């Protein structure tokens, strides 16, 4: 659900680059980045995570980090 919403929203943010990290094959990276839930979106020190990330929550996160 979050992936679909994120893909739809990224069209509005041309300068945002998406990196998907496979947690099974990169467990140390996951720990280093502070990922505790799937899905997690992270930009710099900001992150949002949760089992159900709505399109509205994802858009608010993207707006926030894009404004910085």
Foldseek 3Di string as FASTA:
>chain_A
DVVVLVVVVCVVVVPDDDDDDDCVVCVVVCVVLPPDAPPKDDDVVDIDHDPDDDSVNVVVSCVVVVVD
